[in-house]
Amino acid sequence: MTVKRFHAEIVTACLTGALGIAAVIGATELGWRWSERGPQPGYFPFYVGLILLGASLWNMGSAFVRHRRALAEGLEGAAVEEPFLDRDKVKRLGGFLGAMLAFVVATMWLGIYIGSAGYITYSAWRKGGYPLLLSLAIGFGFSVSLYVIFEVIFKIPLLKGPIEPMLGIY
């Protein structure tokens, strides 16, 4: 599977356009006009959303124009049709996104400390090529440093999941 540059540009323009639309809709619910007291809460997000939507439409139009021009000139191997992601890059990206998804699920279920220890350990071991024991030490050390920085120094409690009652914290 190879993702072409043209397709990547169209998908990106659609996604950023959807974000712009979401910002505009959210801003209209908050009020986007100028009142006698000044701008309403949605004033700046509304215009940022419009700018984002306009830029997305511009990028989509540019991609279509370049694609059509390349097809009209018979340039099948033109820059518009060059591969954006080849099979190897898609596989690496999928591995990264899969690990991130597992991290998010583990964090929601087990807490930030266990989730981050698992993610850092896996990344150091599988992606970084470190030995398993060193990877475990890195993951554990990272979680301990998170705890010290946020819980001890800044007094900001983070999501602990089931380890909170086991350790008798809070």
C-alpha atoms as a PDB file:
ATOM      1  CA  MET A   1       0.000   0.000   0.000  1.00  0.00           C
ATOM      2  CA  THR A   2       1.383   3.357  -1.019  1.00  0.00           C
ATOM      3  CA  VAL A   3      -0.190   6.677  -0.118  1.00  0.00           C
ATOM      4  CA  LYS A   4       0.254   9.263  -2.866  1.00  0.00           C
ATOM      5  CA  ARG A   5       1.014  12.905  -2.145  1.00  0.00           C
ATOM      6  CA  PHE A   6      -2.249  14.057  -3.756  1.00  0.00           C
ATOM      7  CA  HIS A   7      -4.327  11.822  -1.490  1.00  0.00           C
ATOM      8  CA  ALA A   8      -2.415  12.923   1.619  1.00  0.00           C
ATOM      9  CA  GLU A   9      -3.034  16.584   0.726  1.00  0.00           C
ATOM     10  CA  ILE A  10      -6.767  16.010   0.212  1.00  0.00           C
ATOM     11  CA  VAL A  11      -7.175  14.078   3.485  1.00  0.00           C
ATOM     12  CA  THR A  12      -5.192  16.697   5.407  1.00  0.00           C
ATOM     13  CA  ALA A  13      -7.259  19.509   3.911  1.00  0.00           C
ATOM     14  CA  CYS A  14     -10.472  17.678   4.863  1.00  0.00           C
ATOM     15  CA  LEU A  15      -9.304  17.099   8.438  1.00  0.00           C
ATOM     16  CA  THR A  16      -8.136  20.675   8.997  1.00  0.00           C
ATOM     17  CA  GLY A  17     -11.325  21.935   7.344  1.00  0.00           C
ATOM     18  CA  ALA A  18     -13.379  19.810   9.755  1.00  0.00           C
ATOM     19  CA  LEU A  19     -11.449  21.338  12.672  1.00  0.00           C
ATOM     20  CA  GLY A  20     -12.209  24.795  11.303  1.00  0.00           C
ATOM     21  CA  ILE A  21     -15.904  23.959  10.992  1.00  0.00           C
ATOM     22  CA  ALA A  22     -15.941  22.578  14.540  1.00  0.00           C
ATOM     23  CA  ALA A  23     -14.299  25.777  15.825  1.00  0.00           C
ATOM     24  CA  VAL A  24     -16.839  27.954  14.001  1.00  0.00           C
ATOM     25  CA  ILE A  25     -19.801  25.915  15.284  1.00  0.00           C
ATOM     26  CA  GLY A  26     -18.459  25.908  18.848  1.00  0.00           C
ATOM     27  CA  ALA A  27     -17.807  29.643  18.704  1.00  0.00           C
ATOM     28  CA  THR A  28     -21.335  30.414  17.524  1.00  0.00           C
ATOM     29  CA  GLU A  29     -22.676  28.583  20.589  1.00  0.00           C
ATOM     30  CA  LEU A  30     -20.571  30.860  22.815  1.00  0.00           C
ATOM     31  CA  GLY A  31     -21.355  34.058  20.941  1.00  0.00           C
ATOM     32  CA  TRP A  32     -19.007  35.315  18.262  1.00  0.00           C
ATOM     33  CA  ARG A  33     -19.980  38.935  17.873  1.00  0.00           C
ATOM     34  CA  TRP A  34     -18.713  42.126  19.426  1.00  0.00           C
ATOM     35  CA  SER A  35     -20.909  43.306  22.283  1.00  0.00           C
ATOM     36  CA  GLU A  36     -20.999  46.565  24.233  1.00  0.00           C
ATOM     37  CA  ARG A  37     -18.568  44.948  26.707  1.00  0.00           C
ATOM     38  CA  GLY A  38     -16.158  43.813  24.017  1.00  0.00           C
ATOM     39  CA  PRO A  39     -15.721  40.527  22.217  1.00  0.00           C
ATOM     40  CA  GLN A  40     -17.909  37.632  23.226  1.00  0.00           C
ATOM     41  CA  PRO A  41     -16.179  34.364  24.269  1.00  0.00           C
ATOM     42  CA  GLY A  42     -16.369  32.836  20.794  1.00  0.00           C
ATOM     43  CA  TYR A  43     -15.128  35.908  18.890  1.00  0.00           C
ATOM     44  CA  PHE A  44     -11.520  34.851  18.353  1.00  0.00           C
ATOM     45  CA  PRO A  45     -12.175  31.097  17.934  1.00  0.00           C
ATOM     46  CA  PHE A  46     -14.801  31.933  15.298  1.00  0.00           C
ATOM     47  CA  TYR A  47     -12.349  33.864  13.149  1.00  0.00           C
ATOM     48  CA  VAL A  48      -9.534  31.396  13.715  1.00  0.00           C
ATOM     49  CA  GLY A  49     -11.925  28.658  12.567  1.00  0.00           C
ATOM     50  CA  LEU A  50     -12.825  30.678   9.464  1.00  0.00           C
ATOM     51  CA  ILE A  51      -9.136  31.201   8.659  1.00  0.00           C
ATOM     52  CA  LEU A  52      -8.461  27.496   9.138  1.00  0.00           C
ATOM     53  CA  LEU A  53     -11.407  26.570   6.926  1.00  0.00           C
ATOM     54  CA  GLY A  54     -10.315  29.024   4.229  1.00  0.00           C
ATOM     55  CA  ALA A  55      -6.730  27.745   4.287  1.00  0.00           C
ATOM     56  CA  SER A  56      -7.995  24.167   4.037  1.00  0.00           C
ATOM     57  CA  LEU A  57     -10.137  25.006   1.024  1.00  0.00           C
ATOM     58  CA  TRP A  58      -7.181  26.794  -0.570  1.00  0.00           C
ATOM     59  CA  ASN A  59      -4.914  23.767  -0.024  1.00  0.00           C
ATOM     60  CA  MET A  60      -7.532  21.398  -1.406  1.00  0.00           C
ATOM     61  CA  GLY A  61      -8.015  23.565  -4.484  1.00  0.00           C
ATOM     62  CA  SER A  62      -4.254  23.795  -5.025  1.00  0.00           C
ATOM     63  CA  ALA A  63      -3.909  20.028  -4.787  1.00  0.00           C
ATOM     64  CA  PHE A  64      -6.672  19.488  -7.354  1.00  0.00           C
ATOM     65  CA  VAL A  65      -5.178  22.074  -9.737  1.00  0.00           C
ATOM     66  CA  ARG A  66      -1.704  20.501  -9.530  1.00  0.00           C
ATOM     67  CA  HIS A  67      -3.164  17.021  -9.943  1.00  0.00           C
ATOM     68  CA  ARG A  68      -5.257  18.029 -12.978  1.00  0.00           C
ATOM     69  CA  ARG A  69      -2.297  19.841 -14.554  1.00  0.00           C
ATOM     70  CA  ALA A  70      -0.081  16.795 -14.106  1.00  0.00           C
ATOM     71  CA  LEU A  71      -2.717  14.518 -15.644  1.00  0.00           C
ATOM     72  CA  ALA A  72      -3.291  16.926 -18.555  1.00  0.00           C
ATOM     73  CA  GLU A  73       0.425  17.066 -19.290  1.00  0.00           C
ATOM     74  CA  GLY A  74       0.636  13.286 -19.097  1.00  0.00           C
ATOM     75  CA  LEU A  75       3.109  13.343 -16.249  1.00  0.00           C
ATOM     76  CA  GLU A  76       2.171  10.180 -14.401  1.00  0.00           C
ATOM     77  CA  GLY A  77       5.353  10.322 -12.312  1.00  0.00           C
ATOM     78  CA  ALA A  78       4.974  14.021 -11.515  1.00  0.00           C
ATOM     79  CA  ALA A  79       5.590  15.427  -8.041  1.00  0.00           C
ATOM     80  CA  VAL A  80       1.845  15.335  -7.405  1.00  0.00           C
ATOM     81  CA  GLU A  81       1.820  11.555  -7.844  1.00  0.00           C
ATOM     82  CA  GLU A  82       5.004  10.834  -5.950  1.00  0.00           C
ATOM     83  CA  PRO A  83       4.639   8.466  -3.019  1.00  0.00           C
ATOM     84  CA  PHE A  84       3.980  10.179   0.292  1.00  0.00           C
ATOM     85  CA  LEU A  85       4.124   7.023   2.397  1.00  0.00           C
ATOM     86  CA  ASP A  86       5.430   3.720   1.126  1.00  0.00           C
ATOM     87  CA  ARG A  87       4.658   0.344   2.661  1.00  0.00           C
ATOM     88  CA  ASP A  88       7.597   0.442   5.103  1.00  0.00           C
ATOM     89  CA  LYS A  89       6.698   3.915   6.392  1.00  0.00           C
ATOM     90  CA  VAL A  90       3.029   2.967   6.773  1.00  0.00           C
ATOM     91  CA  LYS A  91       4.099  -0.071   8.819  1.00  0.00           C
ATOM     92  CA  ARG A  92       6.320   2.040  11.092  1.00  0.00           C
ATOM     93  CA  LEU A  93       3.607   4.672  11.491  1.00  0.00           C
ATOM     94  CA  GLY A  94       1.053   1.973  12.325  1.00  0.00           C
ATOM     95  CA  GLY A  95       3.366   0.573  14.987  1.00  0.00           C
ATOM     96  CA  PHE A  96       3.788   4.008  16.527  1.00  0.00           C
ATOM     97  CA  LEU A  97       0.059   4.781  16.473  1.00  0.00           C
ATOM     98  CA  GLY A  98      -0.786   1.341  17.865  1.00  0.00           C
ATOM     99  CA  ALA A  99       1.598   1.862  20.777  1.00  0.00           C
ATOM    100  CA  MET A 100       0.116   5.314  21.413  1.00  0.00           C
ATOM    101  CA  LEU A 101      -3.407   3.899  21.398  1.00  0.00           C
ATOM    102  CA  ALA A 102      -2.357   1.201  23.867  1.00  0.00           C
ATOM    103  CA  PHE A 103      -0.796   3.927  26.033  1.00  0.00           C
ATOM    104  CA  VAL A 104      -4.031   5.944  26.071  1.00  0.00           C
ATOM    105  CA  VAL A 105      -6.142   2.895  26.926  1.00  0.00           C
ATOM    106  CA  ALA A 106      -3.692   1.776  29.629  1.00  0.00           C
ATOM    107  CA  THR A 107      -3.611   5.283  31.083  1.00  0.00           C
ATOM    108  CA  MET A 108      -7.392   5.487  31.253  1.00  0.00           C
ATOM    109  CA  TRP A 109      -7.687   2.046  32.838  1.00  0.00           C
ATOM    110  CA  LEU A 110      -4.529   1.735  34.954  1.00  0.00           C
ATOM    111  CA  GLY A 111      -3.473   5.358  35.501  1.00  0.00           C
ATOM    112  CA  ILE A 112      -0.737   7.577  34.139  1.00  0.00           C
ATOM    113  CA  TYR A 113       2.107   5.974  36.068  1.00  0.00           C
ATOM    114  CA  ILE A 114       1.556   2.389  34.928  1.00  0.00           C
ATOM    115  CA  GLY A 115       0.572   3.500  31.418  1.00  0.00           C
ATOM    116  CA  SER A 116       3.634   5.679  30.939  1.00  0.00           C
ATOM    117  CA  ALA A 117       5.955   3.058  32.439  1.00  0.00           C
ATOM    118  CA  GLY A 118       4.583   0.483  30.003  1.00  0.00           C
ATOM    119  CA  TYR A 119       4.797   2.807  27.000  1.00  0.00           C
ATOM    120  CA  ILE A 120       8.312   4.034  27.757  1.00  0.00           C
ATOM    121  CA  THR A 121       9.493   0.471  28.458  1.00  0.00           C
ATOM    122  CA  TYR A 122       7.991  -0.822  25.208  1.00  0.00           C
ATOM    123  CA  SER A 123       9.368   2.074  23.164  1.00  0.00           C
ATOM    124  CA  ALA A 124      12.870   1.748  24.585  1.00  0.00           C
ATOM    125  CA  TRP A 125      12.882  -2.043  24.196  1.00  0.00           C
ATOM    126  CA  ARG A 126      11.196  -2.555  20.813  1.00  0.00           C
ATOM    127  CA  LYS A 127      11.848   0.717  19.020  1.00  0.00           C
ATOM    128  CA  GLY A 128      15.060   1.816  20.708  1.00  0.00           C
ATOM    129  CA  GLY A 129      16.733  -1.575  20.823  1.00  0.00           C
ATOM    130  CA  TYR A 130      17.681  -1.353  24.505  1.00  0.00           C
ATOM    131  CA  PRO A 131      17.895  -4.515  26.613  1.00  0.00           C
ATOM    132  CA  LEU A 132      14.692  -5.404  28.447  1.00  0.00           C
ATOM    133  CA  LEU A 133      16.044  -4.789  31.962  1.00  0.00           C
ATOM    134  CA  LEU A 134      17.389  -1.366  31.005  1.00  0.00           C
ATOM    135  CA  SER A 135      14.089  -0.544  29.293  1.00  0.00           C
ATOM    136  CA  LEU A 136      12.199  -1.519  32.460  1.00  0.00           C
ATOM    137  CA  ALA A 137      14.495   0.706  34.516  1.00  0.00           C
ATOM    138  CA  ILE A 138      13.951   3.615  32.125  1.00  0.00           C
ATOM    139  CA  GLY A 139      10.150   3.170  32.233  1.00  0.00           C
ATOM    140  CA  PHE A 140      10.091   2.847  36.022  1.00  0.00           C
ATOM    141  CA  GLY A 141      12.420   5.843  36.409  1.00  0.00           C
ATOM    142  CA  PHE A 142      10.220   7.931  34.162  1.00  0.00           C
ATOM    143  CA  SER A 143       7.120   7.094  36.213  1.00  0.00           C
ATOM    144  CA  VAL A 144       8.913   7.893  39.456  1.00  0.00           C
ATOM    145  CA  SER A 145      10.078  11.227  38.046  1.00  0.00           C
ATOM    146  CA  LEU A 146       6.480  12.002  36.958  1.00  0.00           C
ATOM    147  CA  TYR A 147       5.308  11.289  40.486  1.00  0.00           C
ATOM    148  CA  VAL A 148       7.998  13.427  42.113  1.00  0.00           C
ATOM    149  CA  ILE A 149       7.536  16.357  39.747  1.00  0.00           C
ATOM    150  CA  PHE A 150       3.755  16.500  39.747  1.00  0.00           C
ATOM    151  CA  GLU A 151       2.626  14.979  43.036  1.00  0.00           C
ATOM    152  CA  VAL A 152       5.445  16.037  45.353  1.00  0.00           C
ATOM    153  CA  ILE A 153       6.840  19.279  43.936  1.00  0.00           C
ATOM    154  CA  PHE A 154       3.812  20.868  42.251  1.00  0.00           C
ATOM    155  CA  LYS A 155       1.113  19.147  44.363  1.00  0.00           C
ATOM    156  CA  ILE A 156      -0.880  18.253  41.235  1.00  0.00           C
ATOM    157  CA  PRO A 157      -2.543  14.840  41.499  1.00  0.00           C
ATOM    158  CA  LEU A 158      -2.510  12.756  38.334  1.00  0.00           C
ATOM    159  CA  LEU A 159      -4.764   9.850  37.369  1.00  0.00           C
ATOM    160  CA  LYS A 160      -3.513   6.825  39.287  1.00  0.00           C
ATOM    161  CA  GLY A 161      -6.091   4.168  38.458  1.00  0.00           C
ATOM    162  CA  PRO A 162      -6.161   1.101  40.723  1.00  0.00           C
ATOM    163  CA  ILE A 163      -2.764   1.810  42.291  1.00  0.00           C
ATOM    164  CA  GLU A 164      -4.203   4.723  44.274  1.00  0.00           C
ATOM    165  CA  PRO A 165      -6.189   2.629  46.772  1.00  0.00           C
ATOM    166  CA  MET A 166      -3.469  -0.058  46.868  1.00  0.00           C
ATOM    167  CA  LEU A 167      -0.858   2.495  47.931  1.00  0.00           C
ATOM    168  CA  GLY A 168      -3.232   4.340  50.251  1.00  0.00           C
ATOM    169  CA  ILE A 169      -2.713   7.638  48.437  1.00  0.00           C
ATOM    170  CA  TYR A 170      -5.315  10.360  49.019  1.00  0.00           C
END
